[in-house]
Amino acid sequence: MKINCLTCGHKIDVGDSYDDYEGHIKCYVCESLLDIKSQEAELKSVKFVKSEPIQPSSVLGN
């Protein structure tokens, strides 16, 4: 199964192991995170997952 990245358009070949899958995949070209749902080797949905910037838990030196 192939999925087009919603950000850069690259075709991601996820293979047969994703024929029944619900979760995240990462485009290795632009590093966008996509949420996909597939069932019986058919893609049911693809959504872009907005990544939040990493916030430091504490400020060093204080």
C-alpha atoms as a PDB file:
ATOM      1  CA  MET A   1       0.000   0.000   0.000  1.00  0.00           C
ATOM      2  CA  LYS A   2       1.274   3.485  -0.836  1.00  0.00           C
ATOM      3  CA  ILE A   3       0.291   6.717   0.889  1.00  0.00           C
ATOM      4  CA  ASN A   4       0.975  10.238  -0.367  1.00  0.00           C
ATOM      5  CA  CYS A   5       2.416  12.512   2.303  1.00  0.00           C
ATOM      6  CA  LEU A   6       0.018  15.386   2.900  1.00  0.00           C
ATOM      7  CA  THR A   7       2.894  17.835   3.368  1.00  0.00           C
ATOM      8  CA  CYS A   8       5.396  17.089   0.600  1.00  0.00           C
ATOM      9  CA  GLY A   9       3.504  14.668  -1.674  1.00  0.00           C
ATOM     10  CA  HIS A  10       6.117  11.915  -1.429  1.00  0.00           C
ATOM     11  CA  LYS A  11       4.706   8.409  -1.953  1.00  0.00           C
ATOM     12  CA  ILE A  12       5.331   6.352   1.163  1.00  0.00           C
ATOM     13  CA  ASP A  13       5.321   2.588   0.553  1.00  0.00           C
ATOM     14  CA  VAL A  14       4.159   1.082   3.846  1.00  0.00           C
ATOM     15  CA  GLY A  15       3.948  -2.520   2.630  1.00  0.00           C
ATOM     16  CA  ASP A  16       1.565  -5.290   3.609  1.00  0.00           C
ATOM     17  CA  SER A  17       2.205  -4.967   7.341  1.00  0.00           C
ATOM     18  CA  TYR A  18      -0.021  -1.854   7.374  1.00  0.00           C
ATOM     19  CA  ASP A  19      -3.046  -3.510   5.677  1.00  0.00           C
ATOM     20  CA  ASP A  20      -5.009  -3.366   8.966  1.00  0.00           C
ATOM     21  CA  TYR A  21      -3.465  -0.506  10.920  1.00  0.00           C
ATOM     22  CA  GLU A  22      -4.502   2.529  12.908  1.00  0.00           C
ATOM     23  CA  GLY A  23      -1.776   4.864  14.117  1.00  0.00           C
ATOM     24  CA  HIS A  24       1.075   7.133  13.137  1.00  0.00           C
ATOM     25  CA  ILE A  25       3.614   6.913  10.345  1.00  0.00           C
ATOM     26  CA  LYS A  26       6.408   9.367   9.603  1.00  0.00           C
ATOM     27  CA  CYS A  27       7.407  10.601   6.163  1.00  0.00           C
ATOM     28  CA  TYR A  28      11.152  10.030   5.911  1.00  0.00           C
ATOM     29  CA  VAL A  29      11.511  12.838   3.337  1.00  0.00           C
ATOM     30  CA  CYS A  30       9.977  15.817   5.208  1.00  0.00           C
ATOM     31  CA  GLU A  31       9.565  14.125   8.639  1.00  0.00           C
ATOM     32  CA  SER A  32       5.847  14.969   8.864  1.00  0.00           C
ATOM     33  CA  LEU A  33       3.816  12.766  11.167  1.00  0.00           C
ATOM     34  CA  LEU A  34       0.651  11.312   9.635  1.00  0.00           C
ATOM     35  CA  ASP A  35      -2.208   9.534  11.371  1.00  0.00           C
ATOM     36  CA  ILE A  36      -3.560   6.756   9.156  1.00  0.00           C
ATOM     37  CA  LYS A  37      -6.311   4.187   9.312  1.00  0.00           C
ATOM     38  CA  SER A  38      -6.401   1.244   6.916  1.00  0.00           C
ATOM     39  CA  GLN A  39      -8.618  -1.792   6.777  1.00  0.00           C
ATOM     40  CA  GLU A  40      -8.284  -4.855   4.540  1.00  0.00           C
ATOM     41  CA  ALA A  41      -5.509  -3.174   2.498  1.00  0.00           C
ATOM     42  CA  GLU A  42      -7.655  -0.082   1.816  1.00  0.00           C
ATOM     43  CA  LEU A  43      -6.765   3.324   3.149  1.00  0.00           C
ATOM     44  CA  LYS A  44      -9.697   4.728   5.131  1.00  0.00           C
ATOM     45  CA  SER A  45      -8.215   8.029   6.357  1.00  0.00           C
ATOM     46  CA  VAL A  46      -5.017  10.090   6.453  1.00  0.00           C
ATOM     47  CA  LYS A  47      -4.585  13.135   8.680  1.00  0.00           C
ATOM     48  CA  PHE A  48      -1.645  15.424   9.319  1.00  0.00           C
ATOM     49  CA  VAL A  49      -0.634  15.388  12.989  1.00  0.00           C
ATOM     50  CA  LYS A  50       0.460  18.819  14.139  1.00  0.00           C
ATOM     51  CA  SER A  51       3.593  18.526  16.231  1.00  0.00           C
ATOM     52  CA  GLU A  52       3.942  20.790  19.206  1.00  0.00           C
ATOM     53  CA  PRO A  53       7.354  22.303  19.944  1.00  0.00           C
ATOM     54  CA  ILE A  54       9.203  20.589  22.780  1.00  0.00           C
ATOM     55  CA  GLN A  55       9.090  22.710  25.907  1.00  0.00           C
ATOM     56  CA  PRO A  56      11.876  22.320  28.442  1.00  0.00           C
ATOM     57  CA  SER A  57      10.608  21.052  31.783  1.00  0.00           C
ATOM     58  CA  SER A  58      12.974  23.322  33.698  1.00  0.00           C
ATOM     59  CA  VAL A  59      15.290  26.200  32.954  1.00  0.00           C
ATOM     60  CA  LEU A  60      18.956  25.305  33.437  1.00  0.00           C
ATOM     61  CA  GLY A  61      20.948  27.419  35.836  1.00  0.00           C
ATOM     62  CA  ASN A  62      18.013  28.440  38.067  1.00  0.00           C
END
